[in-house]
Amino acid sequence: MVLAPEHPLVDKLTSEAQQAQVRDYKIQADRQTEIERTAADKEKTGVFTGAYAINPVNGQRIPIWIADYVLMTYGTGAIMAVPAHDERDFDFALKFGLPIIPVIERRTAGLRAPSGTVP
């Protein structure tokens, strides 16, 4: 799970051990424009808050991070990252060694790919 650095829950969720890193990251993110933060070619950055959410589907703990590619001005400022199916989330997960779990099964039986594409 990833929150925008300016999300109101960040300070409430951040563990004591992570407070300095989170504070420094929030300052760094605040210096960027939204365009800079969401640029497709920008290296993904982020900081672990030290907190976890519980996945309501399977009961597993999910680490809560903050990252500058998540914005408060878009949606809720919080995402349930799906790195197997979203390029930004994939890049973030790869960089920080987070699990990449497919949640959508591609079924191609009986379907034909459009001509000129690879199935």
PDB file of N, CA and C in Angstrom:
ATOM      1  N   MET A   1       0.857  -1.162   0.000  1.00  0.00           N
ATOM      2  CA  MET A   1       0.000   0.000   0.000  1.00  0.00           C
ATOM      3  C   MET A   1       0.903   1.224   0.000  1.00  0.00           C
ATOM      4  N   VAL A   2       0.505   2.224  -0.788  1.00  0.00           N
ATOM      5  CA  VAL A   2       1.325   3.430  -0.896  1.00  0.00           C
ATOM      6  C   VAL A   2       0.443   4.667  -0.698  1.00  0.00           C
ATOM      7  N   LEU A   3       0.916   5.559   0.161  1.00  0.00           N
ATOM      8  CA  LEU A   3       0.224   6.817   0.418  1.00  0.00           C
ATOM      9  C   LEU A   3       1.008   7.974  -0.180  1.00  0.00           C
ATOM     10  N   ALA A   4       0.294   9.034  -0.508  1.00  0.00           N
ATOM     11  CA  ALA A   4       0.960  10.278  -0.890  1.00  0.00           C
ATOM     12  C   ALA A   4       1.694  10.795   0.345  1.00  0.00           C
ATOM     13  N   PRO A   5       2.875  11.379   0.176  1.00  0.00           N
ATOM     14  CA  PRO A   5       3.620  11.874   1.339  1.00  0.00           C
ATOM     15  C   PRO A   5       2.835  12.870   2.192  1.00  0.00           C
ATOM     16  N   GLU A   6       1.938  13.628   1.560  1.00  0.00           N
ATOM     17  CA  GLU A   6       1.164  14.632   2.290  1.00  0.00           C
ATOM     18  C   GLU A   6      -0.170  14.103   2.825  1.00  0.00           C
ATOM     19  N   HIS A   7      -0.405  12.801   2.703  1.00  0.00           N
ATOM     20  CA  HIS A   7      -1.647  12.204   3.192  1.00  0.00           C
ATOM     21  C   HIS A   7      -1.755  12.419   4.701  1.00  0.00           C
ATOM     22  N   PRO A   8      -2.942  12.792   5.201  1.00  0.00           N
ATOM     23  CA  PRO A   8      -3.089  13.074   6.632  1.00  0.00           C
ATOM     24  C   PRO A   8      -2.826  11.878   7.550  1.00  0.00           C
ATOM     25  N   LEU A   9      -2.896  10.659   7.039  1.00  0.00           N
ATOM     26  CA  LEU A   9      -2.642   9.493   7.880  1.00  0.00           C
ATOM     27  C   LEU A   9      -1.156   9.178   8.050  1.00  0.00           C
ATOM     28  N   VAL A  10      -0.299   9.768   7.220  1.00  0.00           N
ATOM     29  CA  VAL A  10       1.127   9.426   7.265  1.00  0.00           C
ATOM     30  C   VAL A  10       1.709   9.652   8.661  1.00  0.00           C
ATOM     31  N   ASP A  11       1.503  10.808   9.239  1.00  0.00           N
ATOM     32  CA  ASP A  11       2.076  11.096  10.556  1.00  0.00           C
ATOM     33  C   ASP A  11       1.492  10.187  11.634  1.00  0.00           C
ATOM     34  N   LYS A  12       0.221   9.824  11.499  1.00  0.00           N
ATOM     35  CA  LYS A  12      -0.423   8.959  12.494  1.00  0.00           C
ATOM     36  C   LYS A  12       0.097   7.521  12.405  1.00  0.00           C
ATOM     37  N   LEU A  13       0.430   7.082  11.189  1.00  0.00           N
ATOM     38  CA  LEU A  13       0.844   5.697  10.976  1.00  0.00           C
ATOM     39  C   LEU A  13       2.341   5.458  11.138  1.00  0.00           C
ATOM     40  N   THR A  14       3.135   6.476  10.962  1.00  0.00           N
ATOM     41  CA  THR A  14       4.588   6.300  10.956  1.00  0.00           C
ATOM     42  C   THR A  14       5.100   5.864  12.328  1.00  0.00           C
ATOM     43  N   SER A  15       5.894   4.796  12.312  1.00  0.00           N
ATOM     44  CA  SER A  15       6.478   4.302  13.568  1.00  0.00           C
ATOM     45  C   SER A  15       7.561   5.264  14.047  1.00  0.00           C
ATOM     46  N   GLU A  16       7.869   5.176  15.309  1.00  0.00           N
ATOM     47  CA  GLU A  16       8.900   6.044  15.882  1.00  0.00           C
ATOM     48  C   GLU A  16      10.238   5.841  15.173  1.00  0.00           C
ATOM     49  N   ALA A  17      10.549   4.602  14.844  1.00  0.00           N
ATOM     50  CA  ALA A  17      11.827   4.293  14.191  1.00  0.00           C
ATOM     51  C   ALA A  17      11.939   4.893  12.790  1.00  0.00           C
ATOM     52  N   GLN A  18      10.819   5.148  12.147  1.00  0.00           N
ATOM     53  CA  GLN A  18      10.824   5.654  10.764  1.00  0.00           C
ATOM     54  C   GLN A  18      10.558   7.159  10.667  1.00  0.00           C
ATOM     55  N   GLN A  19      10.323   7.825  11.779  1.00  0.00           N
ATOM     56  CA  GLN A  19       9.919   9.228  11.746  1.00  0.00           C
ATOM     57  C   GLN A  19      10.903  10.133  11.026  1.00  0.00           C
ATOM     58  N   ALA A  20      12.183   9.989  11.242  1.00  0.00           N
ATOM     59  CA  ALA A  20      13.165  10.871  10.609  1.00  0.00           C
ATOM     60  C   ALA A  20      13.190  10.662   9.096  1.00  0.00           C
ATOM     61  N   GLN A  21      13.190   9.392   8.668  1.00  0.00           N
ATOM     62  CA  GLN A  21      13.196   9.118   7.230  1.00  0.00           C
ATOM     63  C   GLN A  21      11.939   9.643   6.551  1.00  0.00           C
ATOM     64  N   VAL A  22      10.807   9.437   7.186  1.00  0.00           N
ATOM     65  CA  VAL A  22       9.539   9.899   6.615  1.00  0.00           C
ATOM     66  C   VAL A  22       9.515  11.426   6.561  1.00  0.00           C
ATOM     67  N   ARG A  23       9.940  12.077   7.613  1.00  0.00           N
ATOM     68  CA  ARG A  23       9.989  13.553   7.632  1.00  0.00           C
ATOM     69  C   ARG A  23      10.865  14.079   6.499  1.00  0.00           C
ATOM     70  N   ASP A  24      12.060  13.523   6.356  1.00  0.00           N
ATOM     71  CA  ASP A  24      12.981  13.969   5.307  1.00  0.00           C
ATOM     72  C   ASP A  24      12.407  13.731   3.914  1.00  0.00           C
ATOM     73  N   TYR A  25      11.756  12.590   3.739  1.00  0.00           N
ATOM     74  CA  TYR A  25      11.167  12.280   2.432  1.00  0.00           C
ATOM     75  C   TYR A  25      10.025  13.244   2.106  1.00  0.00           C
ATOM     76  N   LYS A  26       9.200  13.549   3.096  1.00  0.00           N
ATOM     77  CA  LYS A  26       8.091  14.480   2.876  1.00  0.00           C
ATOM     78  C   LYS A  26       8.616  15.846   2.442  1.00  0.00           C
ATOM     79  N   ILE A  27       9.705  16.295   3.033  1.00  0.00           N
ATOM     80  CA  ILE A  27      10.301  17.580   2.654  1.00  0.00           C
ATOM     81  C   ILE A  27      10.781  17.533   1.209  1.00  0.00           C
ATOM     82  N   GLN A  28      11.456  16.442   0.847  1.00  0.00           N
ATOM     83  CA  GLN A  28      11.956  16.276  -0.519  1.00  0.00           C
ATOM     84  C   GLN A  28      10.806  16.244  -1.522  1.00  0.00           C
ATOM     85  N   ALA A  29       9.742  15.519  -1.211  1.00  0.00           N
ATOM     86  CA  ALA A  29       8.597  15.418  -2.120  1.00  0.00           C
ATOM     87  C   ALA A  29       7.891  16.757  -2.270  1.00  0.00           C
ATOM     88  N   ASP A  30       7.850  17.531  -1.201  1.00  0.00           N
ATOM     89  CA  ASP A  30       7.175  18.830  -1.223  1.00  0.00           C
ATOM     90  C   ASP A  30       7.882  19.837  -2.142  1.00  0.00           C
ATOM     91  N   ARG A  31       9.142  19.612  -2.411  1.00  0.00           N
ATOM     92  CA  ARG A  31       9.918  20.510  -3.274  1.00  0.00           C
ATOM     93  C   ARG A  31       9.640  20.288  -4.761  1.00  0.00           C
ATOM     94  N   GLN A  32       8.900  19.248  -5.093  1.00  0.00           N
ATOM     95  CA  GLN A  32       8.638  18.908  -6.493  1.00  0.00           C
ATOM     96  C   GLN A  32       7.223  19.327  -6.901  1.00  0.00           C
ATOM     97  N   THR A  33       7.063  19.636  -8.173  1.00  0.00           N
ATOM     98  CA  THR A  33       5.730  19.894  -8.705  1.00  0.00           C
ATOM     99  C   THR A  33       5.040  18.560  -8.961  1.00  0.00           C
ATOM    100  N   GLU A  34       3.730  18.603  -9.146  1.00  0.00           N
ATOM    101  CA  GLU A  34       3.005  17.372  -9.468  1.00  0.00           C
ATOM    102  C   GLU A  34       3.496  16.779 -10.789  1.00  0.00           C
ATOM    103  N   ILE A  35       3.832  17.628 -11.733  1.00  0.00           N
ATOM    104  CA  ILE A  35       4.335  17.141 -13.028  1.00  0.00           C
ATOM    105  C   ILE A  35       5.652  16.403 -12.829  1.00  0.00           C
ATOM    106  N   GLU A  36       6.535  16.947 -12.012  1.00  0.00           N
ATOM    107  CA  GLU A  36       7.807  16.277 -11.735  1.00  0.00           C
ATOM    108  C   GLU A  36       7.572  14.949 -11.017  1.00  0.00           C
ATOM    109  N   ARG A  37       6.656  14.947 -10.077  1.00  0.00           N
ATOM    110  CA  ARG A  37       6.399  13.737  -9.293  1.00  0.00           C
ATOM    111  C   ARG A  37       5.830  12.605 -10.124  1.00  0.00           C
ATOM    112  N   THR A  38       5.062  12.927 -11.144  1.00  0.00           N
ATOM    113  CA  THR A  38       4.390  11.885 -11.926  1.00  0.00           C
ATOM    114  C   THR A  38       5.028  11.627 -13.276  1.00  0.00           C
ATOM    115  N   ALA A  39       6.167  12.209 -13.554  1.00  0.00           N
ATOM    116  CA  ALA A  39       6.838  11.991 -14.843  1.00  0.00           C
ATOM    117  C   ALA A  39       7.097  10.502 -15.045  1.00  0.00           C
ATOM    118  N   ALA A  40       6.758  10.007 -16.219  1.00  0.00           N
ATOM    119  CA  ALA A  40       6.881   8.576 -16.517  1.00  0.00           C
ATOM    120  C   ALA A  40       8.319   8.080 -16.408  1.00  0.00           C
ATOM    121  N   ASP A  41       9.276   8.923 -16.746  1.00  0.00           N
ATOM    122  CA  ASP A  41      10.672   8.486 -16.755  1.00  0.00           C
ATOM    123  C   ASP A  41      11.392   8.748 -15.429  1.00  0.00           C
ATOM    124  N   LYS A  42      10.667   9.236 -14.431  1.00  0.00           N
ATOM    125  CA  LYS A  42      11.282   9.538 -13.126  1.00  0.00           C
ATOM    126  C   LYS A  42      11.505   8.242 -12.343  1.00  0.00           C
ATOM    127  N   GLU A  43      12.679   8.140 -11.749  1.00  0.00           N
ATOM    128  CA  GLU A  43      12.960   6.988 -10.902  1.00  0.00           C
ATOM    129  C   GLU A  43      12.009   6.991  -9.713  1.00  0.00           C
ATOM    130  N   LYS A  44      11.465   5.829  -9.396  1.00  0.00           N
ATOM    131  CA  LYS A  44      10.540   5.727  -8.272  1.00  0.00           C
ATOM    132  C   LYS A  44      11.310   5.817  -6.951  1.00  0.00           C
ATOM    133  N   THR A  45      10.779   6.618  -6.043  1.00  0.00           N
ATOM    134  CA  THR A  45      11.368   6.772  -4.718  1.00  0.00           C
ATOM    135  C   THR A  45      10.270   6.581  -3.683  1.00  0.00           C
ATOM    136  N   GLY A  46      10.668   6.290  -2.458  1.00  0.00           N
ATOM    137  CA  GLY A  46       9.689   6.127  -1.399  1.00  0.00           C
ATOM    138  C   GLY A  46      10.349   5.739  -0.102  1.00  0.00           C
ATOM    139  N   VAL A  47       9.538   5.698   0.952  1.00  0.00           N
ATOM    140  CA  VAL A  47      10.014   5.359   2.287  1.00  0.00           C
ATOM    141  C   VAL A  47       8.945   4.515   2.982  1.00  0.00           C
ATOM    142  N   PHE A  48       9.383   3.478   3.650  1.00  0.00           N
ATOM    143  CA  PHE A  48       8.492   2.639   4.454  1.00  0.00           C
ATOM    144  C   PHE A  48       8.107   3.405   5.716  1.00  0.00           C
ATOM    145  N   THR A  49       6.835   3.380   6.078  1.00  0.00           N
ATOM    146  CA  THR A  49       6.361   4.107   7.262  1.00  0.00           C
ATOM    147  C   THR A  49       6.579   3.342   8.567  1.00  0.00           C
ATOM    148  N   GLY A  50       6.841   2.049   8.441  1.00  0.00           N
ATOM    149  CA  GLY A  50       6.944   1.225   9.644  1.00  0.00           C
ATOM    150  C   GLY A  50       5.607   0.639  10.064  1.00  0.00           C
ATOM    151  N   ALA A  51       4.558   0.966   9.309  1.00  0.00           N
ATOM    152  CA  ALA A  51       3.208   0.481   9.640  1.00  0.00           C
ATOM    153  C   ALA A  51       2.737  -0.535   8.600  1.00  0.00           C
ATOM    154  N   TYR A  52       1.714  -1.274   8.967  1.00  0.00           N
ATOM    155  CA  TYR A  52       1.128  -2.288   8.087  1.00  0.00           C
ATOM    156  C   TYR A  52      -0.385  -2.147   8.081  1.00  0.00           C
ATOM    157  N   ALA A  53      -0.971  -2.494   6.941  1.00  0.00           N
ATOM    158  CA  ALA A  53      -2.423  -2.637   6.822  1.00  0.00           C
ATOM    159  C   ALA A  53      -2.704  -4.143   6.748  1.00  0.00           C
ATOM    160  N   ILE A  54      -3.935  -4.511   6.909  1.00  0.00           N
ATOM    161  CA  ILE A  54      -4.323  -5.918   6.784  1.00  0.00           C
ATOM    162  C   ILE A  54      -5.162  -6.071   5.517  1.00  0.00           C
ATOM    163  N   ASN A  55      -4.730  -6.979   4.640  1.00  0.00           N
ATOM    164  CA  ASN A  55      -5.477  -7.265   3.423  1.00  0.00           C
ATOM    165  C   ASN A  55      -6.782  -7.948   3.829  1.00  0.00           C
ATOM    166  N   PRO A  56      -7.938  -7.343   3.517  1.00  0.00           N
ATOM    167  CA  PRO A  56      -9.210  -7.918   3.956  1.00  0.00           C
ATOM    168  C   PRO A  56      -9.553  -9.230   3.234  1.00  0.00           C
ATOM    169  N   VAL A  57      -8.913  -9.508   2.120  1.00  0.00           N
ATOM    170  CA  VAL A  57      -9.201 -10.732   1.374  1.00  0.00           C
ATOM    171  C   VAL A  57      -8.496 -11.942   1.980  1.00  0.00           C
ATOM    172  N   ASN A  58      -7.212 -11.769   2.356  1.00  0.00           N
ATOM    173  CA  ASN A  58      -6.462 -12.929   2.829  1.00  0.00           C
ATOM    174  C   ASN A  58      -5.875 -12.774   4.238  1.00  0.00           C
ATOM    175  N   GLY A  59      -6.083 -11.624   4.870  1.00  0.00           N
ATOM    176  CA  GLY A  59      -5.603 -11.404   6.229  1.00  0.00           C
ATOM    177  C   GLY A  59      -4.111 -11.147   6.353  1.00  0.00           C
ATOM    178  N   GLN A  60      -3.394 -11.054   5.233  1.00  0.00           N
ATOM    179  CA  GLN A  60      -1.953 -10.818   5.283  1.00  0.00           C
ATOM    180  C   GLN A  60      -1.630  -9.358   5.562  1.00  0.00           C
ATOM    181  N   ARG A  61      -0.477  -9.147   6.217  1.00  0.00           N
ATOM    182  CA  ARG A  61      -0.006  -7.785   6.482  1.00  0.00           C
ATOM    183  C   ARG A  61       0.576  -7.194   5.200  1.00  0.00           C
ATOM    184  N   ILE A  62       0.239  -5.930   4.967  1.00  0.00           N
ATOM    185  CA  ILE A  62       0.725  -5.206   3.798  1.00  0.00           C
ATOM    186  C   ILE A  62       1.529  -4.011   4.300  1.00  0.00           C
ATOM    187  N   PRO A  63       2.806  -3.892   3.917  1.00  0.00           N
ATOM    188  CA  PRO A  63       3.574  -2.735   4.359  1.00  0.00           C
ATOM    189  C   PRO A  63       3.012  -1.445   3.763  1.00  0.00           C
ATOM    190  N   ILE A  64       3.007  -0.393   4.556  1.00  0.00           N
ATOM    191  CA  ILE A  64       2.515   0.904   4.094  1.00  0.00           C
ATOM    192  C   ILE A  64       3.726   1.808   3.836  1.00  0.00           C
ATOM    193  N   TRP A  65       3.847   2.259   2.602  1.00  0.00           N
ATOM    194  CA  TRP A  65       4.931   3.124   2.161  1.00  0.00           C
ATOM    195  C   TRP A  65       4.365   4.489   1.810  1.00  0.00           C
ATOM    196  N   ILE A  66       5.245   5.472   1.684  1.00  0.00           N
ATOM    197  CA  ILE A  66       4.879   6.728   1.035  1.00  0.00           C
ATOM    198  C   ILE A  66       5.758   6.855  -0.195  1.00  0.00           C
ATOM    199  N   ALA A  67       5.201   7.443  -1.244  1.00  0.00           N
ATOM    200  CA  ALA A  67       5.947   7.633  -2.486  1.00  0.00           C
ATOM    201  C   ALA A  67       5.414   8.861  -3.192  1.00  0.00           C
ATOM    202  N   ASP A  68       6.306   9.585  -3.832  1.00  0.00           N
ATOM    203  CA  ASP A  68       5.904  10.843  -4.456  1.00  0.00           C
ATOM    204  C   ASP A  68       5.094  10.679  -5.732  1.00  0.00           C
ATOM    205  N   TYR A  69       5.026   9.471  -6.296  1.00  0.00           N
ATOM    206  CA  TYR A  69       4.192   9.282  -7.487  1.00  0.00           C
ATOM    207  C   TYR A  69       2.705   9.154  -7.143  1.00  0.00           C
ATOM    208  N   VAL A  70       2.393   9.063  -5.863  1.00  0.00           N
ATOM    209  CA  VAL A  70       1.001   9.059  -5.402  1.00  0.00           C
ATOM    210  C   VAL A  70       0.675  10.475  -4.945  1.00  0.00           C
ATOM    211  N   LEU A  71      -0.456  10.993  -5.436  1.00  0.00           N
ATOM    212  CA  LEU A  71      -0.827  12.387  -5.180  1.00  0.00           C
ATOM    213  C   LEU A  71      -2.126  12.491  -4.389  1.00  0.00           C
ATOM    214  N   MET A  72      -2.192  13.446  -3.491  1.00  0.00           N
ATOM    215  CA  MET A  72      -3.438  13.722  -2.768  1.00  0.00           C
ATOM    216  C   MET A  72      -4.500  14.322  -3.684  1.00  0.00           C
ATOM    217  N   THR A  73      -4.076  14.969  -4.731  1.00  0.00           N
ATOM    218  CA  THR A  73      -5.014  15.634  -5.636  1.00  0.00           C
ATOM    219  C   THR A  73      -5.637  14.674  -6.642  1.00  0.00           C
ATOM    220  N   TYR A  74      -5.249  13.412  -6.601  1.00  0.00           N
ATOM    221  CA  TYR A  74      -5.802  12.412  -7.518  1.00  0.00           C
ATOM    222  C   TYR A  74      -6.385  11.283  -6.678  1.00  0.00           C
ATOM    223  N   GLY A  75      -7.680  11.150  -6.682  1.00  0.00           N
ATOM    224  CA  GLY A  75      -8.335  10.122  -5.888  1.00  0.00           C
ATOM    225  C   GLY A  75      -8.230  10.423  -4.400  1.00  0.00           C
ATOM    226  N   THR A  76      -7.876   9.398  -3.630  1.00  0.00           N
ATOM    227  CA  THR A  76      -7.822   9.535  -2.179  1.00  0.00           C
ATOM    228  C   THR A  76      -6.413   9.762  -1.646  1.00  0.00           C
ATOM    229  N   GLY A  77      -5.418   9.741  -2.527  1.00  0.00           N
ATOM    230  CA  GLY A  77      -4.036   9.886  -2.083  1.00  0.00           C
ATOM    231  C   GLY A  77      -3.479   8.604  -1.502  1.00  0.00           C
ATOM    232  N   ALA A  78      -4.185   7.507  -1.731  1.00  0.00           N
ATOM    233  CA  ALA A  78      -3.747   6.192  -1.256  1.00  0.00           C
ATOM    234  C   ALA A  78      -4.042   5.165  -2.336  1.00  0.00           C
ATOM    235  N   ILE A  79      -3.091   4.267  -2.555  1.00  0.00           N
ATOM    236  CA  ILE A  79      -3.332   3.212  -3.537  1.00  0.00           C
ATOM    237  C   ILE A  79      -3.012   1.855  -2.929  1.00  0.00           C
ATOM    238  N   MET A  80      -3.770   0.866  -3.348  1.00  0.00           N
ATOM    239  CA  MET A  80      -3.445  -0.526  -3.042  1.00  0.00           C
ATOM    240  C   MET A  80      -2.654  -0.989  -4.249  1.00  0.00           C
ATOM    241  N   ALA A  81      -1.353  -0.810  -4.191  1.00  0.00           N
ATOM    242  CA  ALA A  81      -0.495  -1.066  -5.340  1.00  0.00           C
ATOM    243  C   ALA A  81      -0.698  -2.478  -5.881  1.00  0.00           C
ATOM    244  N   VAL A  82      -0.742  -2.576  -7.199  1.00  0.00           N
ATOM    245  CA  VAL A  82      -0.885  -3.855  -7.879  1.00  0.00           C
ATOM    246  C   VAL A  82       0.268  -3.974  -8.872  1.00  0.00           C
ATOM    247  N   PRO A  83       1.466  -4.270  -8.363  1.00  0.00           N
ATOM    248  CA  PRO A  83       2.657  -4.208  -9.200  1.00  0.00           C
ATOM    249  C   PRO A  83       2.679  -5.175 -10.374  1.00  0.00           C
ATOM    250  N   ALA A  84       1.924  -6.249 -10.313  1.00  0.00           N
ATOM    251  CA  ALA A  84       1.919  -7.174 -11.445  1.00  0.00           C
ATOM    252  C   ALA A  84       1.132  -6.608 -12.618  1.00  0.00           C
ATOM    253  N   HIS A  85       0.366  -5.540 -12.384  1.00  0.00           N
ATOM    254  CA  HIS A  85      -0.534  -5.046 -13.422  1.00  0.00           C
ATOM    255  C   HIS A  85      -0.489  -3.541 -13.631  1.00  0.00           C
ATOM    256  N   ASP A  86       0.454  -2.857 -13.029  1.00  0.00           N
ATOM    257  CA  ASP A  86       0.591  -1.413 -13.192  1.00  0.00           C
ATOM    258  C   ASP A  86       2.082  -1.092 -13.284  1.00  0.00           C
ATOM    259  N   GLU A  87       2.473  -0.392 -14.325  1.00  0.00           N
ATOM    260  CA  GLU A  87       3.893  -0.148 -14.569  1.00  0.00           C
ATOM    261  C   GLU A  87       4.562   0.646 -13.452  1.00  0.00           C
ATOM    262  N   ARG A  88       3.904   1.688 -12.960  1.00  0.00           N
ATOM    263  CA  ARG A  88       4.509   2.481 -11.882  1.00  0.00           C
ATOM    264  C   ARG A  88       4.676   1.651 -10.614  1.00  0.00           C
ATOM    265  N   ASP A  89       3.633   0.898 -10.271  1.00  0.00           N
ATOM    266  CA  ASP A  89       3.703   0.040  -9.091  1.00  0.00           C
ATOM    267  C   ASP A  89       4.756  -1.055  -9.271  1.00  0.00           C
ATOM    268  N   PHE A  90       4.875  -1.575 -10.492  1.00  0.00           N
ATOM    269  CA  PHE A  90       5.867  -2.598 -10.800  1.00  0.00           C
ATOM    270  C   PHE A  90       7.279  -2.053 -10.578  1.00  0.00           C
ATOM    271  N   ASP A  91       7.556  -0.869 -11.131  1.00  0.00           N
ATOM    272  CA  ASP A  91       8.873  -0.250 -10.966  1.00  0.00           C
ATOM    273  C   ASP A  91       9.190  -0.004  -9.488  1.00  0.00           C
ATOM    274  N   PHE A  92       8.194   0.459  -8.739  1.00  0.00           N
ATOM    275  CA  PHE A  92       8.367   0.725  -7.310  1.00  0.00           C
ATOM    276  C   PHE A  92       8.671  -0.577  -6.561  1.00  0.00           C
ATOM    277  N   ALA A  93       7.886  -1.617  -6.835  1.00  0.00           N
ATOM    278  CA  ALA A  93       8.079  -2.906  -6.161  1.00  0.00           C
ATOM    279  C   ALA A  93       9.446  -3.500  -6.482  1.00  0.00           C
ATOM    280  N   LEU A  94       9.857  -3.415  -7.732  1.00  0.00           N
ATOM    281  CA  LEU A  94      11.175  -3.927  -8.102  1.00  0.00           C
ATOM    282  C   LEU A  94      12.284  -3.208  -7.340  1.00  0.00           C
ATOM    283  N   LYS A  95      12.213  -1.887  -7.311  1.00  0.00           N
ATOM    284  CA  LYS A  95      13.260  -1.103  -6.666  1.00  0.00           C
ATOM    285  C   LYS A  95      13.394  -1.439  -5.184  1.00  0.00           C
ATOM    286  N   PHE A  96      12.270  -1.663  -4.505  1.00  0.00           N
ATOM    287  CA  PHE A  96      12.303  -1.865  -3.059  1.00  0.00           C
ATOM    288  C   PHE A  96      12.138  -3.334  -2.642  1.00  0.00           C
ATOM    289  N   GLY A  97      12.183  -4.245  -3.609  1.00  0.00           N
ATOM    290  CA  GLY A  97      12.131  -5.666  -3.288  1.00  0.00           C
ATOM    291  C   GLY A  97      10.807  -6.129  -2.706  1.00  0.00           C
ATOM    292  N   LEU A  98       9.718  -5.501  -3.149  1.00  0.00           N
ATOM    293  CA  LEU A  98       8.389  -5.864  -2.651  1.00  0.00           C
ATOM    294  C   LEU A  98       7.805  -6.986  -3.510  1.00  0.00           C
ATOM    295  N   PRO A  99       6.926  -7.804  -2.952  1.00  0.00           N
ATOM    296  CA  PRO A  99       6.344  -8.908  -3.726  1.00  0.00           C
ATOM    297  C   PRO A  99       5.530  -8.397  -4.915  1.00  0.00           C
ATOM    298  N   ILE A 100       5.596  -9.142  -6.002  1.00  0.00           N
ATOM    299  CA  ILE A 100       4.811  -8.834  -7.198  1.00  0.00           C
ATOM    300  C   ILE A 100       3.908 -10.041  -7.434  1.00  0.00           C
ATOM    301  N   ILE A 101       2.663  -9.894  -7.032  1.00  0.00           N
ATOM    302  CA  ILE A 101       1.709 -11.004  -7.056  1.00  0.00           C
ATOM    303  C   ILE A 101       0.638 -10.748  -8.108  1.00  0.00           C
ATOM    304  N   PRO A 102       0.540 -11.611  -9.131  1.00  0.00           N
ATOM    305  CA  PRO A 102      -0.531 -11.437 -10.125  1.00  0.00           C
ATOM    306  C   PRO A 102      -1.905 -11.609  -9.463  1.00  0.00           C
ATOM    307  N   VAL A 103      -2.817 -10.702  -9.788  1.00  0.00           N
ATOM    308  CA  VAL A 103      -4.173 -10.798  -9.232  1.00  0.00           C
ATOM    309  C   VAL A 103      -5.222 -10.972 -10.324  1.00  0.00           C
ATOM    310  N   ILE A 104      -4.783 -10.932 -11.557  1.00  0.00           N
ATOM    311  CA  ILE A 104      -5.684 -11.127 -12.689  1.00  0.00           C
ATOM    312  C   ILE A 104      -5.136 -12.268 -13.529  1.00  0.00           C
ATOM    313  N   GLU A 105      -5.980 -13.239 -13.831  1.00  0.00           N
ATOM    314  CA  GLU A 105      -5.561 -14.356 -14.663  1.00  0.00           C
ATOM    315  C   GLU A 105      -5.991 -14.078 -16.102  1.00  0.00           C
ATOM    316  N   ARG A 106      -5.038 -14.152 -16.999  1.00  0.00           N
ATOM    317  CA  ARG A 106      -5.343 -13.935 -18.415  1.00  0.00           C
ATOM    318  C   ARG A 106      -5.830 -15.240 -19.012  1.00  0.00           C
ATOM    319  N   ARG A 107      -7.016 -15.207 -19.570  1.00  0.00           N
ATOM    320  CA  ARG A 107      -7.582 -16.389 -20.216  1.00  0.00           C
ATOM    321  C   ARG A 107      -7.631 -16.128 -21.711  1.00  0.00           C
ATOM    322  N   THR A 108      -6.956 -16.981 -22.461  1.00  0.00           N
ATOM    323  CA  THR A 108      -6.910 -16.771 -23.904  1.00  0.00           C
ATOM    324  C   THR A 108      -7.585 -17.897 -24.673  1.00  0.00           C
ATOM    325  N   ALA A 109      -8.029 -18.934 -23.999  1.00  0.00           N
ATOM    326  CA  ALA A 109      -8.679 -20.044 -24.689  1.00  0.00           C
ATOM    327  C   ALA A 109      -9.896 -19.537 -25.452  1.00  0.00           C
ATOM    328  N   GLY A 110      -9.925 -19.825 -26.732  1.00  0.00           N
ATOM    329  CA  GLY A 110     -11.053 -19.424 -27.554  1.00  0.00           C
ATOM    330  C   GLY A 110     -11.005 -17.987 -28.026  1.00  0.00           C
ATOM    331  N   LEU A 111     -10.029 -17.228 -27.583  1.00  0.00           N
ATOM    332  CA  LEU A 111      -9.899 -15.837 -28.002  1.00  0.00           C
ATOM    333  C   LEU A 111      -8.791 -15.728 -29.034  1.00  0.00           C
ATOM    334  N   ARG A 112      -8.946 -14.823 -29.944  1.00  0.00           N
ATOM    335  CA  ARG A 112      -7.914 -14.583 -30.941  1.00  0.00           C
ATOM    336  C   ARG A 112      -7.366 -13.177 -30.743  1.00  0.00           C
ATOM    337  N   ALA A 113      -6.058 -13.079 -30.780  1.00  0.00           N
ATOM    338  CA  ALA A 113      -5.420 -11.769 -30.693  1.00  0.00           C
ATOM    339  C   ALA A 113      -5.627 -11.033 -31.994  1.00  0.00           C
ATOM    340  N   PRO A 114      -5.791  -9.719 -31.942  1.00  0.00           N
ATOM    341  CA  PRO A 114      -5.909  -8.936 -33.179  1.00  0.00           C
ATOM    342  C   PRO A 114      -4.678  -9.161 -34.048  1.00  0.00           C
ATOM    343  N   SER A 115      -4.870  -9.120 -35.356  1.00  0.00           N
ATOM    344  CA  SER A 115      -3.734  -9.332 -36.263  1.00  0.00           C
ATOM    345  C   SER A 115      -2.660  -8.308 -36.001  1.00  0.00           C
ATOM    346  N   GLY A 116      -1.410  -8.771 -36.081  1.00  0.00           N
ATOM    347  CA  GLY A 116      -0.286  -7.882 -35.860  1.00  0.00           C
ATOM    348  C   GLY A 116       0.133  -7.753 -34.409  1.00  0.00           C
ATOM    349  N   THR A 117      -0.536  -8.499 -33.500  1.00  0.00           N
ATOM    350  CA  THR A 117      -0.147  -8.471 -32.088  1.00  0.00           C
ATOM    351  C   THR A 117       0.373  -9.829 -31.684  1.00  0.00           C
ATOM    352  N   VAL A 118       1.032  -9.864 -30.559  1.00  0.00           N
ATOM    353  CA  VAL A 118       1.534 -11.117 -30.008  1.00  0.00           C
ATOM    354  C   VAL A 118       0.593 -11.557 -28.919  1.00  0.00           C
ATOM    355  N   PRO A 119       0.077 -12.773 -29.003  1.00  0.00           N
ATOM    356  CA  PRO A 119      -0.873 -13.251 -27.969  1.00  0.00           C
ATOM    357  C   PRO A 119      -0.224 -13.445 -26.623  1.00  0.00           C
TER     358      PRO A 119
END
